[in-house]
Amino acid sequence: MKIGAVIGKPIDHSLSPAMHNAAFEALDLPWRYLAISVPEGHAAEVIEVMRTVPFAGMSVTMPHKAAVADLVDSCTPIATVLGAVNCVWWRGEELVGDNTDGAGFLDALDQDEGYDPRGQRTVVLGAGGAARAVIQALGEAGAAEVVVVNRTAARAEAAARLAGDAGRVGSEDDIAGCDLVVNATSVGMGSGAAAERSPVDVERLGGGQLVVDLIYEPATTALVRAARERGAVAVNGLGMLIHQAAHAFRHWTGEDPPVEVMSAAATAELARRA
């Protein structure tokens, strides 16, 4: 039996155990995947445990992504650029860290929405870890423009540089003329009044746009609902979550991940919680 785990805090909300355990069962692989609550500042202890007991793979979520990037033996080029790791696996005797968020985002656009960002004008709201992964991925994928909108100018500038020549800092005014809008902030997450907030003035949204809200709880955020009402195609972040997990699964097992099984398991778990 091989053991995998996701570490973070809070961690009870994680869909990773449901997705990965369903995938292991579907392929009849002798794996078991756990969720482990690890307070901030204690990632080093967990990585040391991974070196001494049979942990075959690990997912990393907040607040440990940056810390783990400094604790593994090596990082993939993208994890190095982002300074953040969300997936750890063994390559021989070496612990390797990767960041699969950007690849998962692009896979969700391609496989779930049939959308190619090449040559498209894009706006990303936020400059945190998820935003940075999306910004870098869009630049790498050939987006014509990757406009970063964030309250803190310095963070926006640093994030925009990840998209290369396509990146720049902008404002909400850029949304009206863009093709793709990505919300990578936490605005709209939660329940009650918090869930009714939109990160942007929805009057700027309209037909012909694809709007992706990386939040997936609630499944239909205020932004997604308003975008659809104004004629845009709008989806939540569950697709990105599933596809980034699929990349991790491939790292750990060397097998092609059963994405449909992972998607069904994640959807069923969200429905159970509702």
C-alpha atoms as a PDB file:
ATOM      1  CA  MET A   1       0.000   0.000   0.000  1.00  0.00           C
ATOM      2  CA  LYS A   2       1.313   3.422  -0.994  1.00  0.00           C
ATOM      3  CA  ILE A   3       0.242   6.527   0.883  1.00  0.00           C
ATOM      4  CA  GLY A   4      -0.502   9.957  -0.562  1.00  0.00           C
ATOM      5  CA  ALA A   5      -1.662  13.045   1.285  1.00  0.00           C
ATOM      6  CA  VAL A   6      -2.606  16.681   0.990  1.00  0.00           C
ATOM      7  CA  ILE A   7      -1.246  19.086   3.604  1.00  0.00           C
ATOM      8  CA  GLY A   8      -2.592  22.501   4.491  1.00  0.00           C
ATOM      9  CA  LYS A   9      -4.684  24.417   6.986  1.00  0.00           C
ATOM     10  CA  PRO A  10      -7.620  24.577   6.834  1.00  0.00           C
ATOM     11  CA  ILE A  11      -7.874  21.216   5.098  1.00  0.00           C
ATOM     12  CA  ASP A  12     -11.307  19.768   5.938  1.00  0.00           C
ATOM     13  CA  HIS A  13     -12.774  21.360   2.798  1.00  0.00           C
ATOM     14  CA  SER A  14     -10.303  19.634   0.454  1.00  0.00           C
ATOM     15  CA  LEU A  15     -11.738  17.573  -2.396  1.00  0.00           C
ATOM     16  CA  SER A  16      -8.386  15.880  -3.021  1.00  0.00           C
ATOM     17  CA  PRO A  17      -9.052  12.718  -0.972  1.00  0.00           C
ATOM     18  CA  ALA A  18     -12.346  12.098  -2.761  1.00  0.00           C
ATOM     19  CA  MET A  19     -10.815  12.643  -6.205  1.00  0.00           C
ATOM     20  CA  HIS A  20      -7.621  10.677  -5.739  1.00  0.00           C
ATOM     21  CA  ASN A  21      -9.078   7.748  -3.840  1.00  0.00           C
ATOM     22  CA  ALA A  22     -11.724   7.338  -6.542  1.00  0.00           C
ATOM     23  CA  ALA A  23      -9.007   7.420  -9.206  1.00  0.00           C
ATOM     24  CA  PHE A  24      -6.848   4.857  -7.388  1.00  0.00           C
ATOM     25  CA  GLU A  25      -9.835   2.548  -7.009  1.00  0.00           C
ATOM     26  CA  ALA A  26     -10.817   2.920 -10.657  1.00  0.00           C
ATOM     27  CA  LEU A  27      -7.356   1.821 -11.785  1.00  0.00           C
ATOM     28  CA  ASP A  28      -7.023  -0.799  -9.036  1.00  0.00           C
ATOM     29  CA  LEU A  29      -3.888   0.857  -7.666  1.00  0.00           C
ATOM     30  CA  PRO A  30      -2.756   0.023  -4.106  1.00  0.00           C
ATOM     31  CA  TRP A  31      -2.885   3.610  -2.849  1.00  0.00           C
ATOM     32  CA  ARG A  32      -4.639   5.444  -0.028  1.00  0.00           C
ATOM     33  CA  TYR A  33      -4.839   9.235   0.104  1.00  0.00           C
ATOM     34  CA  LEU A  34      -5.307  11.289   3.280  1.00  0.00           C
ATOM     35  CA  ALA A  35      -5.859  14.915   4.293  1.00  0.00           C
ATOM     36  CA  ILE A  36      -3.477  16.161   6.995  1.00  0.00           C
ATOM     37  CA  SER A  37      -3.933  19.452   8.832  1.00  0.00           C
ATOM     38  CA  VAL A  38      -0.546  21.154   9.152  1.00  0.00           C
ATOM     39  CA  PRO A  39      -0.276  24.601  10.775  1.00  0.00           C
ATOM     40  CA  GLU A  40       1.709  27.340   9.086  1.00  0.00           C
ATOM     41  CA  GLY A  41       5.420  27.055   9.813  1.00  0.00           C
ATOM     42  CA  HIS A  42       5.415  23.268  10.181  1.00  0.00           C
ATOM     43  CA  ALA A  43       5.865  22.145   6.566  1.00  0.00           C
ATOM     44  CA  ALA A  44       9.495  21.161   7.202  1.00  0.00           C
ATOM     45  CA  GLU A  45       8.404  18.554   9.739  1.00  0.00           C
ATOM     46  CA  VAL A  46       6.037  16.965   7.237  1.00  0.00           C
ATOM     47  CA  ILE A  47       8.645  16.846   4.475  1.00  0.00           C
ATOM     48  CA  GLU A  48      11.038  15.172   6.924  1.00  0.00           C
ATOM     49  CA  VAL A  49       8.350  12.596   7.677  1.00  0.00           C
ATOM     50  CA  MET A  50       7.905  12.046   3.951  1.00  0.00           C
ATOM     51  CA  ARG A  51      11.605  11.205   3.722  1.00  0.00           C
ATOM     52  CA  THR A  52      11.448   8.583   6.487  1.00  0.00           C
ATOM     53  CA  VAL A  53       8.050   6.861   6.099  1.00  0.00           C
ATOM     54  CA  PRO A  54       6.387   5.482   2.962  1.00  0.00           C
ATOM     55  CA  PHE A  55       4.669   8.631   1.662  1.00  0.00           C
ATOM     56  CA  ALA A  56       4.763   8.161  -2.105  1.00  0.00           C
ATOM     57  CA  GLY A  57       3.238  11.505  -3.098  1.00  0.00           C
ATOM     58  CA  MET A  58       1.965  14.714  -1.595  1.00  0.00           C
ATOM     59  CA  SER A  59      -0.283  17.610  -2.550  1.00  0.00           C
ATOM     60  CA  VAL A  60       0.425  20.995  -0.997  1.00  0.00           C
ATOM     61  CA  THR A  61      -2.083  23.749  -0.417  1.00  0.00           C
ATOM     62  CA  MET A  62      -2.146  26.984   1.549  1.00  0.00           C
ATOM     63  CA  PRO A  63      -0.253  28.117   3.517  1.00  0.00           C
ATOM     64  CA  HIS A  64       2.676  25.847   2.603  1.00  0.00           C
ATOM     65  CA  LYS A  65       3.304  26.215  -1.138  1.00  0.00           C
ATOM     66  CA  ALA A  66       6.209  28.651  -0.847  1.00  0.00           C
ATOM     67  CA  ALA A  67       7.793  26.890   2.121  1.00  0.00           C
ATOM     68  CA  VAL A  68       7.766  23.490   0.419  1.00  0.00           C
ATOM     69  CA  ALA A  69       9.477  24.973  -2.643  1.00  0.00           C
ATOM     70  CA  ASP A  70      12.490  25.586  -0.374  1.00  0.00           C
ATOM     71  CA  LEU A  71      12.331  22.173   1.303  1.00  0.00           C
ATOM     72  CA  VAL A  72      12.337  19.722  -1.624  1.00  0.00           C
ATOM     73  CA  ASP A  73      15.534  18.586  -3.331  1.00  0.00           C
ATOM     74  CA  SER A  74      14.644  20.197  -6.648  1.00  0.00           C
ATOM     75  CA  CYS A  75      11.809  22.052  -8.350  1.00  0.00           C
ATOM     76  CA  THR A  76      10.516  21.931 -11.886  1.00  0.00           C
ATOM     77  CA  PRO A  77      11.157  25.097 -13.915  1.00  0.00           C
ATOM     78  CA  ILE A  78       7.599  26.341 -13.431  1.00  0.00           C
ATOM     79  CA  ALA A  79       7.684  25.772  -9.664  1.00  0.00           C
ATOM     80  CA  THR A  80      10.978  27.661  -9.569  1.00  0.00           C
ATOM     81  CA  VAL A  81       9.540  30.592 -11.502  1.00  0.00           C
ATOM     82  CA  LEU A  82       6.450  30.755  -9.299  1.00  0.00           C
ATOM     83  CA  GLY A  83       8.313  30.054  -6.071  1.00  0.00           C
ATOM     84  CA  ALA A  84       5.506  27.713  -5.079  1.00  0.00           C
ATOM     85  CA  VAL A  85       4.926  23.947  -5.041  1.00  0.00           C
ATOM     86  CA  ASN A  86       1.565  22.180  -4.982  1.00  0.00           C
ATOM     87  CA  CYS A  87       2.752  18.650  -5.774  1.00  0.00           C
ATOM     88  CA  VAL A  88       5.688  16.567  -4.482  1.00  0.00           C
ATOM     89  CA  TRP A  89       6.851  13.196  -5.753  1.00  0.00           C
ATOM     90  CA  TRP A  90       9.855  10.917  -5.710  1.00  0.00           C
ATOM     91  CA  ARG A  91      12.285  10.748  -8.621  1.00  0.00           C
ATOM     92  CA  GLY A  92      14.663   8.048  -7.502  1.00  0.00           C
ATOM     93  CA  GLU A  93      16.044   9.239  -4.165  1.00  0.00           C
ATOM     94  CA  GLU A  94      15.113  12.858  -4.840  1.00  0.00           C
ATOM     95  CA  LEU A  95      12.017  14.754  -3.730  1.00  0.00           C
ATOM     96  CA  VAL A  96      10.786  16.907  -6.602  1.00  0.00           C
ATOM     97  CA  GLY A  97       8.332  19.791  -6.361  1.00  0.00           C
ATOM     98  CA  ASP A  98       6.071  20.944  -9.177  1.00  0.00           C
ATOM     99  CA  ASN A  99       3.287  23.489  -9.575  1.00  0.00           C
ATOM    100  CA  THR A 100       0.468  22.039 -11.673  1.00  0.00           C
ATOM    101  CA  ASP A 101      -2.032  24.879 -11.203  1.00  0.00           C
ATOM    102  CA  GLY A 102      -1.294  26.648 -14.492  1.00  0.00           C
ATOM    103  CA  ALA A 103      -1.273  23.429 -16.499  1.00  0.00           C
ATOM    104  CA  GLY A 104      -4.536  22.422 -14.837  1.00  0.00           C
ATOM    105  CA  PHE A 105      -6.090  25.769 -15.717  1.00  0.00           C
ATOM    106  CA  LEU A 106      -5.117  25.454 -19.388  1.00  0.00           C
ATOM    107  CA  ASP A 107      -6.381  21.855 -19.509  1.00  0.00           C
ATOM    108  CA  ALA A 108      -9.718  22.976 -18.078  1.00  0.00           C
ATOM    109  CA  LEU A 109     -10.001  25.676 -20.754  1.00  0.00           C
ATOM    110  CA  ASP A 110      -9.118  23.236 -23.520  1.00  0.00           C
ATOM    111  CA  GLN A 111     -10.807  19.995 -22.466  1.00  0.00           C
ATOM    112  CA  ASP A 112     -13.868  21.383 -20.696  1.00  0.00           C
ATOM    113  CA  GLU A 113     -14.593  24.601 -22.610  1.00  0.00           C
ATOM    114  CA  GLY A 114     -12.873  24.042 -25.975  1.00  0.00           C
ATOM    115  CA  TYR A 115     -11.135  27.392 -25.489  1.00  0.00           C
ATOM    116  CA  ASP A 116      -7.671  28.328 -26.757  1.00  0.00           C
ATOM    117  CA  PRO A 117      -6.220  31.493 -25.160  1.00  0.00           C
ATOM    118  CA  ARG A 118      -3.671  31.988 -27.944  1.00  0.00           C
ATOM    119  CA  GLY A 119      -4.059  35.475 -29.367  1.00  0.00           C
ATOM    120  CA  GLN A 120      -6.786  36.354 -26.859  1.00  0.00           C
ATOM    121  CA  ARG A 121      -7.056  39.450 -24.673  1.00  0.00           C
ATOM    122  CA  THR A 122      -7.263  38.287 -21.063  1.00  0.00           C
ATOM    123  CA  VAL A 123      -7.771  39.886 -17.663  1.00  0.00           C
ATOM    124  CA  VAL A 124      -6.780  38.213 -14.391  1.00  0.00           C
ATOM    125  CA  LEU A 125      -8.158  39.564 -11.123  1.00  0.00           C
ATOM    126  CA  GLY A 126      -5.715  39.094  -8.260  1.00  0.00           C
ATOM    127  CA  ALA A 127      -1.983  38.597  -7.817  1.00  0.00           C
ATOM    128  CA  GLY A 128      -1.772  35.775  -5.280  1.00  0.00           C
ATOM    129  CA  GLY A 129      -0.555  32.233  -5.808  1.00  0.00           C
ATOM    130  CA  ALA A 130      -3.388  30.986  -8.022  1.00  0.00           C
ATOM    131  CA  ALA A 131      -3.399  34.221 -10.007  1.00  0.00           C
ATOM    132  CA  ARG A 132       0.345  34.016 -10.602  1.00  0.00           C
ATOM    133  CA  ALA A 133       0.057  30.462 -11.913  1.00  0.00           C
ATOM    134  CA  VAL A 134      -2.754  31.479 -14.284  1.00  0.00           C
ATOM    135  CA  ILE A 135      -0.905  34.599 -15.460  1.00  0.00           C
ATOM    136  CA  GLN A 136       2.242  32.627 -16.252  1.00  0.00           C
ATOM    137  CA  ALA A 137       0.262  29.912 -18.015  1.00  0.00           C
ATOM    138  CA  LEU A 138      -1.646  32.396 -20.187  1.00  0.00           C
ATOM    139  CA  GLY A 139       1.577  34.114 -21.196  1.00  0.00           C
ATOM    140  CA  GLU A 140       3.183  30.774 -22.018  1.00  0.00           C
ATOM    141  CA  ALA A 141       0.093  29.745 -24.013  1.00  0.00           C
ATOM    142  CA  GLY A 142       0.399  32.775 -26.292  1.00  0.00           C
ATOM    143  CA  ALA A 143      -2.318  35.106 -25.025  1.00  0.00           C
ATOM    144  CA  ALA A 144      -2.045  38.435 -26.828  1.00  0.00           C
ATOM    145  CA  GLU A 145      -2.486  40.335 -23.592  1.00  0.00           C
ATOM    146  CA  VAL A 146      -2.574  39.360 -19.923  1.00  0.00           C
ATOM    147  CA  VAL A 147      -3.837  42.292 -17.892  1.00  0.00           C
ATOM    148  CA  VAL A 148      -3.455  42.014 -14.116  1.00  0.00           C
ATOM    149  CA  VAL A 149      -5.935  43.871 -11.925  1.00  0.00           C
ATOM    150  CA  ASN A 150      -5.032  44.013  -8.247  1.00  0.00           C
ATOM    151  CA  ARG A 151      -5.409  46.443  -5.377  1.00  0.00           C
ATOM    152  CA  THR A 152      -1.663  46.517  -4.653  1.00  0.00           C
ATOM    153  CA  ALA A 153       0.258  47.973  -7.590  1.00  0.00           C
ATOM    154  CA  ALA A 154       3.612  46.406  -6.725  1.00  0.00           C
ATOM    155  CA  ARG A 155       2.151  42.924  -6.511  1.00  0.00           C
ATOM    156  CA  ALA A 156       0.280  43.458  -9.772  1.00  0.00           C
ATOM    157  CA  GLU A 157       3.485  44.506 -11.517  1.00  0.00           C
ATOM    158  CA  ALA A 158       5.416  41.498 -10.233  1.00  0.00           C
ATOM    159  CA  ALA A 159       2.635  39.149 -11.307  1.00  0.00           C
ATOM    160  CA  ALA A 160       2.275  40.735 -14.754  1.00  0.00           C
ATOM    161  CA  ARG A 161       5.969  40.124 -15.464  1.00  0.00           C
ATOM    162  CA  LEU A 162       5.271  36.382 -15.294  1.00  0.00           C
ATOM    163  CA  ALA A 163       3.383  36.682 -18.595  1.00  0.00           C
ATOM    164  CA  GLY A 164       6.407  38.150 -20.384  1.00  0.00           C
ATOM    165  CA  ASP A 165       5.772  40.732 -23.072  1.00  0.00           C
ATOM    166  CA  ALA A 166       2.025  40.040 -22.949  1.00  0.00           C
ATOM    167  CA  GLY A 167       1.707  41.063 -19.313  1.00  0.00           C
ATOM    168  CA  ARG A 168       0.768  44.482 -18.021  1.00  0.00           C
ATOM    169  CA  VAL A 169      -1.019  46.088 -15.103  1.00  0.00           C
ATOM    170  CA  GLY A 170      -4.508  47.374 -15.795  1.00  0.00           C
ATOM    171  CA  SER A 171      -7.831  48.198 -14.225  1.00  0.00           C
ATOM    172  CA  GLU A 172     -11.443  47.082 -14.397  1.00  0.00           C
ATOM    173  CA  ASP A 173     -11.795  49.284 -17.470  1.00  0.00           C
ATOM    174  CA  ASP A 174      -9.912  46.605 -19.417  1.00  0.00           C
ATOM    175  CA  ILE A 175     -12.621  44.003 -18.804  1.00  0.00           C
ATOM    176  CA  ALA A 176     -15.119  45.398 -21.295  1.00  0.00           C
ATOM    177  CA  GLY A 177     -12.790  44.824 -24.236  1.00  0.00           C
ATOM    178  CA  CYS A 178     -11.327  41.455 -23.286  1.00  0.00           C
ATOM    179  CA  ASP A 179     -12.065  37.872 -24.328  1.00  0.00           C
ATOM    180  CA  LEU A 180     -11.336  36.013 -21.088  1.00  0.00           C
ATOM    181  CA  VAL A 181     -11.847  37.153 -17.483  1.00  0.00           C
ATOM    182  CA  VAL A 182     -10.392  35.095 -14.623  1.00  0.00           C
ATOM    183  CA  ASN A 183     -11.228  35.784 -11.000  1.00  0.00           C
ATOM    184  CA  ALA A 184      -8.350  34.532  -8.874  1.00  0.00           C
ATOM    185  CA  THR A 185      -9.382  36.426  -5.740  1.00  0.00           C
ATOM    186  CA  SER A 186     -11.416  35.106  -2.820  1.00  0.00           C
ATOM    187  CA  VAL A 187     -14.237  37.598  -3.380  1.00  0.00           C
ATOM    188  CA  GLY A 188     -17.475  35.633  -3.663  1.00  0.00           C
ATOM    189  CA  MET A 189     -16.299  32.695  -1.576  1.00  0.00           C
ATOM    190  CA  GLY A 190     -18.303  31.546   1.431  1.00  0.00           C
ATOM    191  CA  SER A 191     -21.974  31.819   2.243  1.00  0.00           C
ATOM    192  CA  GLY A 192     -24.551  34.459   3.039  1.00  0.00           C
ATOM    193  CA  ALA A 193     -23.589  38.040   2.219  1.00  0.00           C
ATOM    194  CA  ALA A 194     -20.029  37.064   1.325  1.00  0.00           C
ATOM    195  CA  ALA A 195     -21.274  34.833  -1.500  1.00  0.00           C
ATOM    196  CA  GLU A 196     -23.237  37.708  -3.009  1.00  0.00           C
ATOM    197  CA  ARG A 197     -20.185  39.872  -3.619  1.00  0.00           C
ATOM    198  CA  SER A 198     -18.632  40.227  -7.072  1.00  0.00           C
ATOM    199  CA  PRO A 199     -14.964  41.140  -7.545  1.00  0.00           C
ATOM    200  CA  VAL A 200     -15.848  43.501 -10.429  1.00  0.00           C
ATOM    201  CA  ASP A 201     -18.606  45.730 -11.712  1.00  0.00           C
ATOM    202  CA  VAL A 202     -20.683  43.175 -13.624  1.00  0.00           C
ATOM    203  CA  GLU A 203     -21.851  45.851 -16.067  1.00  0.00           C
ATOM    204  CA  ARG A 204     -18.470  45.415 -17.744  1.00  0.00           C
ATOM    205  CA  LEU A 205     -19.250  41.797 -18.692  1.00  0.00           C
ATOM    206  CA  GLY A 206     -21.072  40.711 -21.809  1.00  0.00           C
ATOM    207  CA  GLY A 207     -21.614  38.319 -24.687  1.00  0.00           C
ATOM    208  CA  GLY A 208     -18.605  36.788 -26.385  1.00  0.00           C
ATOM    209  CA  GLN A 209     -16.608  36.560 -23.173  1.00  0.00           C
ATOM    210  CA  LEU A 210     -15.540  33.523 -21.186  1.00  0.00           C
ATOM    211  CA  VAL A 211     -15.561  34.208 -17.446  1.00  0.00           C
ATOM    212  CA  VAL A 212     -13.781  31.766 -15.120  1.00  0.00           C
ATOM    213  CA  ASP A 213     -14.187  32.146 -11.374  1.00  0.00           C
ATOM    214  CA  LEU A 214     -11.584  29.965  -9.662  1.00  0.00           C
ATOM    215  CA  ILE A 215     -13.923  29.657  -6.675  1.00  0.00           C
ATOM    216  CA  TYR A 216     -15.936  26.424  -6.747  1.00  0.00           C
ATOM    217  CA  GLU A 217     -17.767  26.696  -3.408  1.00  0.00           C
ATOM    218  CA  PRO A 218     -20.401  27.987  -3.952  1.00  0.00           C
ATOM    219  CA  ALA A 219     -20.689  26.386  -7.374  1.00  0.00           C
ATOM    220  CA  THR A 220     -22.446  29.441  -8.791  1.00  0.00           C
ATOM    221  CA  THR A 221     -20.871  32.610  -7.452  1.00  0.00           C
ATOM    222  CA  ALA A 222     -22.322  36.075  -7.866  1.00  0.00           C
ATOM    223  CA  LEU A 223     -19.789  36.681 -10.651  1.00  0.00           C
ATOM    224  CA  VAL A 224     -20.715  33.504 -12.553  1.00  0.00           C
ATOM    225  CA  ARG A 225     -24.423  34.216 -12.211  1.00  0.00           C
ATOM    226  CA  ALA A 226     -24.110  37.847 -13.339  1.00  0.00           C
ATOM    227  CA  ALA A 227     -21.856  36.945 -16.264  1.00  0.00           C
ATOM    228  CA  ARG A 228     -24.371  34.387 -17.534  1.00  0.00           C
ATOM    229  CA  GLU A 229     -27.209  36.864 -17.156  1.00  0.00           C
ATOM    230  CA  ARG A 230     -25.271  39.297 -19.341  1.00  0.00           C
ATOM    231  CA  GLY A 231     -24.681  36.728 -22.087  1.00  0.00           C
ATOM    232  CA  ALA A 232     -21.172  35.543 -21.262  1.00  0.00           C
ATOM    233  CA  VAL A 233     -20.131  31.918 -20.879  1.00  0.00           C
ATOM    234  CA  ALA A 234     -19.172  31.499 -17.217  1.00  0.00           C
ATOM    235  CA  VAL A 235     -17.756  28.576 -15.242  1.00  0.00           C
ATOM    236  CA  ASN A 236     -16.336  27.998 -11.797  1.00  0.00           C
ATOM    237  CA  GLY A 237     -12.918  26.690 -10.767  1.00  0.00           C
ATOM    238  CA  LEU A 238     -13.744  23.031 -10.302  1.00  0.00           C
ATOM    239  CA  GLY A 239     -12.287  22.141 -13.687  1.00  0.00           C
ATOM    240  CA  MET A 240      -8.927  23.664 -12.807  1.00  0.00           C
ATOM    241  CA  LEU A 241      -8.912  21.807  -9.489  1.00  0.00           C
ATOM    242  CA  ILE A 242      -9.598  18.477 -11.182  1.00  0.00           C
ATOM    243  CA  HIS A 243      -7.055  18.913 -13.954  1.00  0.00           C
ATOM    244  CA  GLN A 244      -4.245  20.099 -11.678  1.00  0.00           C
ATOM    245  CA  ALA A 245      -4.899  17.008  -9.557  1.00  0.00           C
ATOM    246  CA  ALA A 246      -4.720  14.866 -12.684  1.00  0.00           C
ATOM    247  CA  HIS A 247      -1.194  16.134 -13.354  1.00  0.00           C
ATOM    248  CA  ALA A 248      -0.198  15.226  -9.790  1.00  0.00           C
ATOM    249  CA  PHE A 249      -1.705  11.755 -10.202  1.00  0.00           C
ATOM    250  CA  ARG A 250       0.427  11.198 -13.297  1.00  0.00           C
ATOM    251  CA  HIS A 251       3.583  12.290 -11.438  1.00  0.00           C
ATOM    252  CA  TRP A 252       2.926   9.857  -8.590  1.00  0.00           C
ATOM    253  CA  THR A 253       1.754   6.793 -10.471  1.00  0.00           C
ATOM    254  CA  GLY A 254       3.011   7.096 -14.037  1.00  0.00           C
ATOM    255  CA  GLU A 255      -0.541   6.239 -15.127  1.00  0.00           C
ATOM    256  CA  ASP A 256      -2.959   8.280 -17.225  1.00  0.00           C
ATOM    257  CA  PRO A 257      -5.427   9.747 -14.730  1.00  0.00           C
ATOM    258  CA  PRO A 258      -9.127   8.827 -15.039  1.00  0.00           C
ATOM    259  CA  VAL A 259     -10.258  12.456 -15.229  1.00  0.00           C
ATOM    260  CA  GLU A 260     -13.954  11.625 -15.598  1.00  0.00           C
ATOM    261  CA  VAL A 261     -13.836   9.514 -12.443  1.00  0.00           C
ATOM    262  CA  MET A 262     -12.071  12.303 -10.549  1.00  0.00           C
ATOM    263  CA  SER A 263     -14.620  14.831 -11.770  1.00  0.00           C
ATOM    264  CA  ALA A 264     -17.558  12.654 -10.740  1.00  0.00           C
ATOM    265  CA  ALA A 265     -16.056  12.107  -7.284  1.00  0.00           C
ATOM    266  CA  ALA A 266     -15.447  15.825  -6.739  1.00  0.00           C
ATOM    267  CA  THR A 267     -18.954  16.705  -7.898  1.00  0.00           C
ATOM    268  CA  ALA A 268     -20.503  14.060  -5.663  1.00  0.00           C
ATOM    269  CA  GLU A 269     -18.553  15.283  -2.654  1.00  0.00           C
ATOM    270  CA  LEU A 270     -19.666  18.865  -3.221  1.00  0.00           C
ATOM    271  CA  ALA A 271     -23.267  17.685  -3.550  1.00  0.00           C
ATOM    272  CA  ARG A 272     -22.943  15.738  -0.294  1.00  0.00           C
ATOM    273  CA  ARG A 273     -21.839  18.891   1.521  1.00  0.00           C
ATOM    274  CA  ALA A 274     -24.595  21.080   0.091  1.00  0.00           C
END
